[in-house]
Every structure is written in C-alpha cells, then in structure tokens.
Amino acid sequence: MVKGGVWYSWGMDDDIEFNEAAFRHDISEEDIRWAVTHPLYEDLLEGFTNKYLVLGYDNKQRLLELMYNRIDDDTVNIFHAMKCTKKYLPLVGF
C-alpha cells in the first residue's frame, strides 16, 4: 500500500526522463527506476503544483528520496535522487 495523497500507477511504457542533477548523489538509473516504480510513499510536495516526492527502496534495499515533475500524461522528469534524509522518514513510519 502506497502512503501519501497521490499514487501514480507506474508502468513499463512510461517515459522517465532524468535530469543530470538526479545522479548527483551517485544513485544509478537502474536504482532510481526500481524505487520510483515500487513506491512506499508518493505525494505532491506542499506548496507546489508539479513537484512530487517518492520514497522507495532500490535494488540494494536503500530507502531513496526521489523528486519528479510531470511533463505530460506519460512522461516524468526525475531531478532528485538520494538516500532518504531524516526529514522524510516519518512519512514511511520510521
């Protein structure tokens, strides 16, 4: 069950674009894709109209914090990926 107010049904046909900044913290594309398509939490960030937060585990069982914008109905742009910070841990029960 995904917590949060938004849940996007990620599919294999969805186009995921990656901003260069998404790789700033040495998280691989494969790990980002796994975490974003298997979210524990997903919601629109407060105060924004198109900035979403996703929390999910990657293939190495690291809890990741991801942020994306929707470009259109089938495309997202991931611009932030890193190990989850303490700020967001309560959203998934830690």
PDB file of N, CA and C in Angstrom:
ATOM      1  N   MET A   1       0.843  -1.185   0.000  1.00  0.00           N
ATOM      2  CA  MET A   1       0.000   0.000   0.000  1.00  0.00           C
ATOM      3  C   MET A   1       0.880   1.237   0.000  1.00  0.00           C
ATOM      4  N   VAL A   2       0.631   2.136  -0.893  1.00  0.00           N
ATOM      5  CA  VAL A   2       1.399   3.372  -1.003  1.00  0.00           C
ATOM      6  C   VAL A   2       0.766   4.420  -0.104  1.00  0.00           C
ATOM      7  N   LYS A   3       1.591   5.040   0.742  1.00  0.00           N
ATOM      8  CA  LYS A   3       1.116   6.139   1.579  1.00  0.00           C
ATOM      9  C   LYS A   3       1.233   7.427   0.791  1.00  0.00           C
ATOM     10  N   GLY A   4       0.489   8.431   1.221  1.00  0.00           N
ATOM     11  CA  GLY A   4       0.535   9.732   0.570  1.00  0.00           C
ATOM     12  C   GLY A   4      -0.781  10.024  -0.118  1.00  0.00           C
ATOM     13  N   GLY A   5      -0.892  11.206  -0.663  1.00  0.00           N
ATOM     14  CA  GLY A   5      -2.127  11.629  -1.285  1.00  0.00           C
ATOM     15  C   GLY A   5      -2.193  11.366  -2.778  1.00  0.00           C
ATOM     16  N   VAL A   6      -1.075  11.051  -3.391  1.00  0.00           N
ATOM     17  CA  VAL A   6      -1.029  10.821  -4.834  1.00  0.00           C
ATOM     18  C   VAL A   6      -0.433   9.447  -5.053  1.00  0.00           C
ATOM     19  N   TRP A   7      -0.996   8.715  -5.972  1.00  0.00           N
ATOM     20  CA  TRP A   7      -0.379   7.463  -6.358  1.00  0.00           C
ATOM     21  C   TRP A   7      -0.475   7.350  -7.856  1.00  0.00           C
ATOM     22  N   TYR A   8       0.669   7.364  -8.489  1.00  0.00           N
ATOM     23  CA  TYR A   8       0.741   7.233  -9.935  1.00  0.00           C
ATOM     24  C   TYR A   8       1.059   5.789 -10.258  1.00  0.00           C
ATOM     25  N   SER A   9       0.253   5.170 -11.090  1.00  0.00           N
ATOM     26  CA  SER A   9       0.472   3.781 -11.470  1.00  0.00           C
ATOM     27  C   SER A   9       1.569   3.715 -12.531  1.00  0.00           C
ATOM     28  N   TRP A  10       2.780   3.490 -12.076  1.00  0.00           N
ATOM     29  CA  TRP A  10       3.927   3.448 -12.973  1.00  0.00           C
ATOM     30  C   TRP A  10       3.873   2.189 -13.809  1.00  0.00           C
ATOM     31  N   GLY A  11       4.137   2.329 -15.085  1.00  0.00           N
ATOM     32  CA  GLY A  11       4.146   1.187 -15.980  1.00  0.00           C
ATOM     33  C   GLY A  11       5.425   1.133 -16.794  1.00  0.00           C
ATOM     34  N   MET A  12       5.638   0.009 -17.424  1.00  0.00           N
ATOM     35  CA  MET A  12       6.851  -0.183 -18.218  1.00  0.00           C
ATOM     36  C   MET A  12       6.878   0.742 -19.436  1.00  0.00           C
ATOM     37  N   ASP A  13       5.705   1.212 -19.875  1.00  0.00           N
ATOM     38  CA  ASP A  13       5.648   2.070 -21.047  1.00  0.00           C
ATOM     39  C   ASP A  13       5.828   3.546 -20.712  1.00  0.00           C
ATOM     40  N   ASP A  14       5.841   3.868 -19.435  1.00  0.00           N
ATOM     41  CA  ASP A  14       6.010   5.262 -19.052  1.00  0.00           C
ATOM     42  C   ASP A  14       7.411   5.736 -19.412  1.00  0.00           C
ATOM     43  N   ASP A  15       7.468   6.963 -19.878  1.00  0.00           N
ATOM     44  CA  ASP A  15       8.742   7.558 -20.252  1.00  0.00           C
ATOM     45  C   ASP A  15       9.290   8.303 -19.046  1.00  0.00           C
ATOM     46  N   ILE A  16      10.430   7.877 -18.563  1.00  0.00           N
ATOM     47  CA  ILE A  16      11.088   8.527 -17.439  1.00  0.00           C
ATOM     48  C   ILE A  16      12.322   9.227 -17.974  1.00  0.00           C
ATOM     49  N   GLU A  17      12.317  10.544 -17.856  1.00  0.00           N
ATOM     50  CA  GLU A  17      13.481  11.332 -18.238  1.00  0.00           C
ATOM     51  C   GLU A  17      14.262  11.652 -16.974  1.00  0.00           C
ATOM     52  N   PHE A  18      15.562  11.800 -17.134  1.00  0.00           N
ATOM     53  CA  PHE A  18      16.433  12.051 -15.994  1.00  0.00           C
ATOM     54  C   PHE A  18      17.190  13.354 -16.186  1.00  0.00           C
ATOM     55  N   ASN A  19      16.981  14.269 -15.269  1.00  0.00           N
ATOM     56  CA  ASN A  19      17.772  15.483 -15.229  1.00  0.00           C
ATOM     57  C   ASN A  19      19.153  15.095 -14.724  1.00  0.00           C
ATOM     58  N   GLU A  20      20.177  15.721 -15.207  1.00  0.00           N
ATOM     59  CA  GLU A  20      21.556  15.434 -14.778  1.00  0.00           C
ATOM     60  C   GLU A  20      21.697  15.491 -13.259  1.00  0.00           C
ATOM     61  N   ALA A  21      20.948  16.371 -12.613  1.00  0.00           N
ATOM     62  CA  ALA A  21      21.030  16.521 -11.157  1.00  0.00           C
ATOM     63  C   ALA A  21      20.583  15.263 -10.413  1.00  0.00           C
ATOM     64  N   ALA A  22      19.798  14.405 -11.043  1.00  0.00           N
ATOM     65  CA  ALA A  22      19.326  13.183 -10.394  1.00  0.00           C
ATOM     66  C   ALA A  22      20.471  12.242 -10.026  1.00  0.00           C
ATOM     67  N   PHE A  23      21.608  12.397 -10.676  1.00  0.00           N
ATOM     68  CA  PHE A  23      22.739  11.491 -10.444  1.00  0.00           C
ATOM     69  C   PHE A  23      23.813  12.108  -9.550  1.00  0.00           C
ATOM     70  N   ARG A  24      23.538  13.263  -8.998  1.00  0.00           N
ATOM     71  CA  ARG A  24      24.496  13.999  -8.170  1.00  0.00           C
ATOM     72  C   ARG A  24      24.956  13.205  -6.941  1.00  0.00           C
ATOM     73  N   HIS A  25      24.081  12.337  -6.417  1.00  0.00           N
ATOM     74  CA  HIS A  25      24.401  11.594  -5.193  1.00  0.00           C
ATOM     75  C   HIS A  25      24.766  10.133  -5.474  1.00  0.00           C
ATOM     76  N   ASP A  26      25.221   9.860  -6.691  1.00  0.00           N
ATOM     77  CA  ASP A  26      25.702   8.524  -7.081  1.00  0.00           C
ATOM     78  C   ASP A  26      24.651   7.417  -6.964  1.00  0.00           C
ATOM     79  N   ILE A  27      23.407   7.753  -7.277  1.00  0.00           N
ATOM     80  CA  ILE A  27      22.350   6.754  -7.367  1.00  0.00           C
ATOM     81  C   ILE A  27      22.191   6.427  -8.858  1.00  0.00           C
ATOM     82  N   SER A  28      22.219   5.146  -9.201  1.00  0.00           N
ATOM     83  CA  SER A  28      22.179   4.744 -10.609  1.00  0.00           C
ATOM     84  C   SER A  28      20.774   4.859 -11.197  1.00  0.00           C
ATOM     85  N   GLU A  29      20.700   4.935 -12.510  1.00  0.00           N
ATOM     86  CA  GLU A  29      19.412   4.970 -13.205  1.00  0.00           C
ATOM     87  C   GLU A  29      18.589   3.735 -12.863  1.00  0.00           C
ATOM     88  N   GLU A  30      19.230   2.580 -12.832  1.00  0.00           N
ATOM     89  CA  GLU A  30      18.528   1.336 -12.501  1.00  0.00           C
ATOM     90  C   GLU A  30      17.904   1.410 -11.106  1.00  0.00           C
ATOM     91  N   ASP A  31      18.650   1.911 -10.137  1.00  0.00           N
ATOM     92  CA  ASP A  31      18.130   2.014  -8.774  1.00  0.00           C
ATOM     93  C   ASP A  31      17.000   3.034  -8.681  1.00  0.00           C
ATOM     94  N   ILE A  32      17.126   4.135  -9.404  1.00  0.00           N
ATOM     95  CA  ILE A  32      16.061   5.143  -9.420  1.00  0.00           C
ATOM     96  C   ILE A  32      14.790   4.546 -10.025  1.00  0.00           C
ATOM     97  N   ARG A  33      14.947   3.864 -11.155  1.00  0.00           N
ATOM     98  CA  ARG A  33      13.778   3.265 -11.813  1.00  0.00           C
ATOM     99  C   ARG A  33      13.074   2.263 -10.894  1.00  0.00           C
ATOM    100  N   TRP A  34      13.837   1.444 -10.198  1.00  0.00           N
ATOM    101  CA  TRP A  34      13.232   0.452  -9.310  1.00  0.00           C
ATOM    102  C   TRP A  34      12.466   1.144  -8.182  1.00  0.00           C
ATOM    103  N   ALA A  35      13.093   2.115  -7.529  1.00  0.00           N
ATOM    104  CA  ALA A  35      12.458   2.794  -6.404  1.00  0.00           C
ATOM    105  C   ALA A  35      11.202   3.558  -6.822  1.00  0.00           C
ATOM    106  N   VAL A  36      11.266   4.230  -7.965  1.00  0.00           N
ATOM    107  CA  VAL A  36      10.118   5.044  -8.385  1.00  0.00           C
ATOM    108  C   VAL A  36       8.950   4.182  -8.867  1.00  0.00           C
ATOM    109  N   THR A  37       9.226   2.998  -9.350  1.00  0.00           N
ATOM    110  CA  THR A  37       8.144   2.128  -9.809  1.00  0.00           C
ATOM    111  C   THR A  37       7.636   1.192  -8.716  1.00  0.00           C
ATOM    112  N   HIS A  38       8.258   1.245  -7.527  1.00  0.00           N
ATOM    113  CA  HIS A  38       7.828   0.453  -6.365  1.00  0.00           C
ATOM    114  C   HIS A  38       7.785   1.361  -5.135  1.00  0.00           C
ATOM    115  N   PRO A  39       6.969   2.415  -5.163  1.00  0.00           N
ATOM    116  CA  PRO A  39       6.999   3.395  -4.085  1.00  0.00           C
ATOM    117  C   PRO A  39       6.348   2.917  -2.792  1.00  0.00           C
ATOM    118  N   LEU A  40       6.901   3.392  -1.684  1.00  0.00           N
ATOM    119  CA  LEU A  40       6.255   3.241  -0.378  1.00  0.00           C
ATOM    120  C   LEU A  40       5.399   4.466  -0.090  1.00  0.00           C
ATOM    121  N   TYR A  41       5.842   5.598  -0.621  1.00  0.00           N
ATOM    122  CA  TYR A  41       5.155   6.877  -0.398  1.00  0.00           C
ATOM    123  C   TYR A  41       5.280   7.707  -1.666  1.00  0.00           C
ATOM    124  N   GLU A  42       4.202   8.402  -2.014  1.00  0.00           N
ATOM    125  CA  GLU A  42       4.237   9.299  -3.159  1.00  0.00           C
ATOM    126  C   GLU A  42       3.188  10.380  -2.940  1.00  0.00           C
ATOM    127  N   ASP A  43       3.605  11.640  -3.086  1.00  0.00           N
ATOM    128  CA  ASP A  43       2.664  12.737  -2.904  1.00  0.00           C
ATOM    129  C   ASP A  43       3.226  14.009  -3.515  1.00  0.00           C
ATOM    130  N   LEU A  44       2.325  14.921  -3.802  1.00  0.00           N
ATOM    131  CA  LEU A  44       2.682  16.258  -4.257  1.00  0.00           C
ATOM    132  C   LEU A  44       3.288  16.999  -3.075  1.00  0.00           C
ATOM    133  N   LEU A  45       4.411  17.658  -3.289  1.00  0.00           N
ATOM    134  CA  LEU A  45       5.035  18.413  -2.206  1.00  0.00           C
ATOM    135  C   LEU A  45       4.205  19.653  -1.891  1.00  0.00           C
ATOM    136  N   GLU A  46       4.044  19.912  -0.613  1.00  0.00           N
ATOM    137  CA  GLU A  46       3.250  21.050  -0.161  1.00  0.00           C
ATOM    138  C   GLU A  46       3.794  22.351  -0.743  1.00  0.00           C
ATOM    139  N   GLY A  47       2.893  23.172  -1.251  1.00  0.00           N
ATOM    140  CA  GLY A  47       3.272  24.458  -1.813  1.00  0.00           C
ATOM    141  C   GLY A  47       3.640  24.420  -3.286  1.00  0.00           C
ATOM    142  N   PHE A  48       3.577  23.253  -3.909  1.00  0.00           N
ATOM    143  CA  PHE A  48       3.934  23.112  -5.317  1.00  0.00           C
ATOM    144  C   PHE A  48       2.755  22.544  -6.099  1.00  0.00           C
ATOM    145  N   THR A  49       2.721  22.836  -7.381  1.00  0.00           N
ATOM    146  CA  THR A  49       1.667  22.295  -8.233  1.00  0.00           C
ATOM    147  C   THR A  49       2.160  21.160  -9.124  1.00  0.00           C
ATOM    148  N   ASN A  50       3.485  20.989  -9.226  1.00  0.00           N
ATOM    149  CA  ASN A  50       4.018  19.943 -10.098  1.00  0.00           C
ATOM    150  C   ASN A  50       5.395  19.492  -9.609  1.00  0.00           C
ATOM    151  N   LYS A  51       5.504  19.217  -8.331  1.00  0.00           N
ATOM    152  CA  LYS A  51       6.753  18.718  -7.753  1.00  0.00           C
ATOM    153  C   LYS A  51       6.370  17.613  -6.777  1.00  0.00           C
ATOM    154  N   TYR A  52       6.734  16.384  -7.130  1.00  0.00           N
ATOM    155  CA  TYR A  52       6.303  15.207  -6.392  1.00  0.00           C
ATOM    156  C   TYR A  52       7.466  14.555  -5.662  1.00  0.00           C
ATOM    157  N   LEU A  53       7.162  13.997  -4.492  1.00  0.00           N
ATOM    158  CA  LEU A  53       8.122  13.251  -3.694  1.00  0.00           C
ATOM    159  C   LEU A  53       7.755  11.779  -3.738  1.00  0.00           C
ATOM    160  N   VAL A  54       8.752  10.933  -3.951  1.00  0.00           N
ATOM    161  CA  VAL A  54       8.587   9.481  -3.899  1.00  0.00           C
ATOM    162  C   VAL A  54       9.630   8.934  -2.939  1.00  0.00           C
ATOM    163  N   LEU A  55       9.205   8.038  -2.051  1.00  0.00           N
ATOM    164  CA  LEU A  55      10.120   7.306  -1.186  1.00  0.00           C
ATOM    165  C   LEU A  55       9.968   5.831  -1.509  1.00  0.00           C
ATOM    166  N   GLY A  56      11.088   5.176  -1.768  1.00  0.00           N
ATOM    167  CA  GLY A  56      11.043   3.764  -2.109  1.00  0.00           C
ATOM    168  C   GLY A  56      12.421   3.139  -2.020  1.00  0.00           C
ATOM    169  N   TYR A  57      12.445   1.832  -1.879  1.00  0.00           N
ATOM    170  CA  TYR A  57      13.711   1.105  -1.798  1.00  0.00           C
ATOM    171  C   TYR A  57      14.251   0.817  -3.191  1.00  0.00           C
ATOM    172  N   ASP A  58      15.572   0.860  -3.313  1.00  0.00           N
ATOM    173  CA  ASP A  58      16.210   0.459  -4.566  1.00  0.00           C
ATOM    174  C   ASP A  58      16.563  -1.022  -4.498  1.00  0.00           C
ATOM    175  N   ASN A  59      17.274  -1.510  -5.496  1.00  0.00           N
ATOM    176  CA  ASN A  59      17.665  -2.929  -5.542  1.00  0.00           C
ATOM    177  C   ASN A  59      18.661  -3.313  -4.458  1.00  0.00           C
ATOM    178  N   LYS A  60      19.268  -2.344  -3.820  1.00  0.00           N
ATOM    179  CA  LYS A  60      20.238  -2.598  -2.747  1.00  0.00           C
ATOM    180  C   LYS A  60      19.604  -2.418  -1.370  1.00  0.00           C
ATOM    181  N   GLN A  61      18.280  -2.286  -1.347  1.00  0.00           N
ATOM    182  CA  GLN A  61      17.499  -2.077  -0.127  1.00  0.00           C
ATOM    183  C   GLN A  61      17.851  -0.784   0.609  1.00  0.00           C
ATOM    184  N   ARG A  62      18.262   0.234  -0.155  1.00  0.00           N
ATOM    185  CA  ARG A  62      18.455   1.576   0.405  1.00  0.00           C
ATOM    186  C   ARG A  62      17.153   2.335   0.203  1.00  0.00           C
ATOM    187  N   LEU A  63      16.689   3.005   1.234  1.00  0.00           N
ATOM    188  CA  LEU A  63      15.498   3.825   1.089  1.00  0.00           C
ATOM    189  C   LEU A  63      15.900   5.121   0.396  1.00  0.00           C
ATOM    190  N   LEU A  64      15.296   5.376  -0.764  1.00  0.00           N
ATOM    191  CA  LEU A  64      15.640   6.549  -1.557  1.00  0.00           C
ATOM    192  C   LEU A  64      14.559   7.609  -1.477  1.00  0.00           C
ATOM    193  N   GLU A  65      15.008   8.831  -1.632  1.00  0.00           N
ATOM    194  CA  GLU A  65      14.152  10.011  -1.722  1.00  0.00           C
ATOM    195  C   GLU A  65      14.290  10.514  -3.158  1.00  0.00           C
ATOM    196  N   LEU A  66      13.187  10.544  -3.873  1.00  0.00           N
ATOM    197  CA  LEU A  66      13.189  10.955  -5.278  1.00  0.00           C
ATOM    198  C   LEU A  66      12.201  12.096  -5.464  1.00  0.00           C
ATOM    199  N   MET A  67      12.505  12.981  -6.396  1.00  0.00           N
ATOM    200  CA  MET A  67      11.570  14.051  -6.744  1.00  0.00           C
ATOM    201  C   MET A  67      11.461  14.126  -8.259  1.00  0.00           C
ATOM    202  N   TYR A  68      10.235  14.395  -8.709  1.00  0.00           N
ATOM    203  CA  TYR A  68       9.994  14.485 -10.145  1.00  0.00           C
ATOM    204  C   TYR A  68       8.934  15.523 -10.459  1.00  0.00           C
ATOM    205  N   ASN A  69       8.913  15.939 -11.725  1.00  0.00           N
ATOM    206  CA  ASN A  69       7.863  16.784 -12.297  1.00  0.00           C
ATOM    207  C   ASN A  69       7.185  15.978 -13.386  1.00  0.00           C
ATOM    208  N   ARG A  70       5.873  16.187 -13.566  1.00  0.00           N
ATOM    209  CA  ARG A  70       5.160  15.583 -14.684  1.00  0.00           C
ATOM    210  C   ARG A  70       5.327  16.492 -15.891  1.00  0.00           C
ATOM    211  N   ILE A  71       5.746  15.912 -16.992  1.00  0.00           N
ATOM    212  CA  ILE A  71       5.886  16.663 -18.235  1.00  0.00           C
ATOM    213  C   ILE A  71       4.581  16.579 -19.033  1.00  0.00           C
ATOM    214  N   ASP A  72       4.019  15.377 -19.097  1.00  0.00           N
ATOM    215  CA  ASP A  72       2.710  15.159 -19.713  1.00  0.00           C
ATOM    216  C   ASP A  72       2.124  13.900 -19.094  1.00  0.00           C
ATOM    217  N   ASP A  73       1.027  13.396 -19.643  1.00  0.00           N
ATOM    218  CA  ASP A  73       0.351  12.238 -19.036  1.00  0.00           C
ATOM    219  C   ASP A  73       1.217  10.984 -18.973  1.00  0.00           C
ATOM    220  N   ASP A  74       2.197  10.870 -19.847  1.00  0.00           N
ATOM    221  CA  ASP A  74       3.005   9.650 -19.916  1.00  0.00           C
ATOM    222  C   ASP A  74       4.479   9.855 -19.589  1.00  0.00           C
ATOM    223  N   THR A  75       4.871  11.071 -19.219  1.00  0.00           N
ATOM    224  CA  THR A  75       6.292  11.363 -19.051  1.00  0.00           C
ATOM    225  C   THR A  75       6.551  12.116 -17.754  1.00  0.00           C
ATOM    226  N   VAL A  76       7.582  11.657 -17.037  1.00  0.00           N
ATOM    227  CA  VAL A  76       8.033  12.371 -15.844  1.00  0.00           C
ATOM    228  C   VAL A  76       9.510  12.707 -16.003  1.00  0.00           C
ATOM    229  N   ASN A  77       9.932  13.740 -15.293  1.00  0.00           N
ATOM    230  CA  ASN A  77      11.333  14.148 -15.273  1.00  0.00           C
ATOM    231  C   ASN A  77      11.823  14.031 -13.831  1.00  0.00           C
ATOM    232  N   ILE A  78      12.695  13.075 -13.591  1.00  0.00           N
ATOM    233  CA  ILE A  78      13.262  12.908 -12.252  1.00  0.00           C
ATOM    234  C   ILE A  78      14.484  13.808 -12.150  1.00  0.00           C
ATOM    235  N   PHE A  79      14.466  14.676 -11.139  1.00  0.00           N
ATOM    236  CA  PHE A  79      15.547  15.647 -10.988  1.00  0.00           C
ATOM    237  C   PHE A  79      16.283  15.533  -9.661  1.00  0.00           C
ATOM    238  N   HIS A  80      15.852  14.620  -8.789  1.00  0.00           N
ATOM    239  CA  HIS A  80      16.492  14.478  -7.475  1.00  0.00           C
ATOM    240  C   HIS A  80      16.433  13.028  -7.046  1.00  0.00           C
ATOM    241  N   ALA A  81      17.560  12.489  -6.605  1.00  0.00           N
ATOM    242  CA  ALA A  81      17.622  11.116  -6.091  1.00  0.00           C
ATOM    243  C   ALA A  81      18.772  11.017  -5.106  1.00  0.00           C
ATOM    244  N   MET A  82      18.457  10.538  -3.905  1.00  0.00           N
ATOM    245  CA  MET A  82      19.497  10.346  -2.891  1.00  0.00           C
ATOM    246  C   MET A  82      18.963   9.414  -1.814  1.00  0.00           C
ATOM    247  N   LYS A  83      19.851   8.942  -0.926  1.00  0.00           N
ATOM    248  CA  LYS A  83      19.385   8.177   0.220  1.00  0.00           C
ATOM    249  C   LYS A  83      18.442   9.067   1.013  1.00  0.00           C
ATOM    250  N   CYS A  84      17.397   8.470   1.520  1.00  0.00           N
ATOM    251  CA  CYS A  84      16.364   9.238   2.205  1.00  0.00           C
ATOM    252  C   CYS A  84      16.932   9.978   3.416  1.00  0.00           C
ATOM    253  N   THR A  85      16.576  11.251   3.531  1.00  0.00           N
ATOM    254  CA  THR A  85      17.005  12.062   4.672  1.00  0.00           C
ATOM    255  C   THR A  85      16.037  11.868   5.843  1.00  0.00           C
ATOM    256  N   LYS A  86      16.497  12.219   7.027  1.00  0.00           N
ATOM    257  CA  LYS A  86      15.685  12.077   8.239  1.00  0.00           C
ATOM    258  C   LYS A  86      14.368  12.834   8.139  1.00  0.00           C
ATOM    259  N   LYS A  87      14.368  13.909   7.398  1.00  0.00           N
ATOM    260  CA  LYS A  87      13.175  14.750   7.242  1.00  0.00           C
ATOM    261  C   LYS A  87      11.960  13.950   6.765  1.00  0.00           C
ATOM    262  N   TYR A  88      12.180  12.993   5.871  1.00  0.00           N
ATOM    263  CA  TYR A  88      11.074  12.274   5.256  1.00  0.00           C
ATOM    264  C   TYR A  88      10.804  10.900   5.866  1.00  0.00           C
ATOM    265  N   LEU A  89      11.639  10.420   6.776  1.00  0.00           N
ATOM    266  CA  LEU A  89      11.448   9.097   7.368  1.00  0.00           C
ATOM    267  C   LEU A  89      10.080   8.907   8.034  1.00  0.00           C
ATOM    268  N   PRO A  90       9.547   9.924   8.735  1.00  0.00           N
ATOM    269  CA  PRO A  90       8.229   9.733   9.346  1.00  0.00           C
ATOM    270  C   PRO A  90       7.109   9.421   8.334  1.00  0.00           C
ATOM    271  N   LEU A  91       7.277   9.812   7.091  1.00  0.00           N
ATOM    272  CA  LEU A  91       6.265   9.554   6.074  1.00  0.00           C
ATOM    273  C   LEU A  91       6.095   8.073   5.778  1.00  0.00           C
ATOM    274  N   VAL A  92       7.119   7.280   6.116  1.00  0.00           N
ATOM    275  CA  VAL A  92       7.038   5.831   5.900  1.00  0.00           C
ATOM    276  C   VAL A  92       7.133   5.055   7.219  1.00  0.00           C
ATOM    277  N   GLY A  93       6.861   5.760   8.312  1.00  0.00           N
ATOM    278  CA  GLY A  93       6.759   5.084   9.604  1.00  0.00           C
ATOM    279  C   GLY A  93       8.037   4.877  10.376  1.00  0.00           C
ATOM    280  N   PHE A  94       9.101   5.606  10.048  1.00  0.00           N
ATOM    281  CA  PHE A  94      10.360   5.487  10.796  1.00  0.00           C
ATOM    282  C   PHE A  94      10.551   6.666  11.720  1.00  0.00           C
TER     283      PHE A  94
END
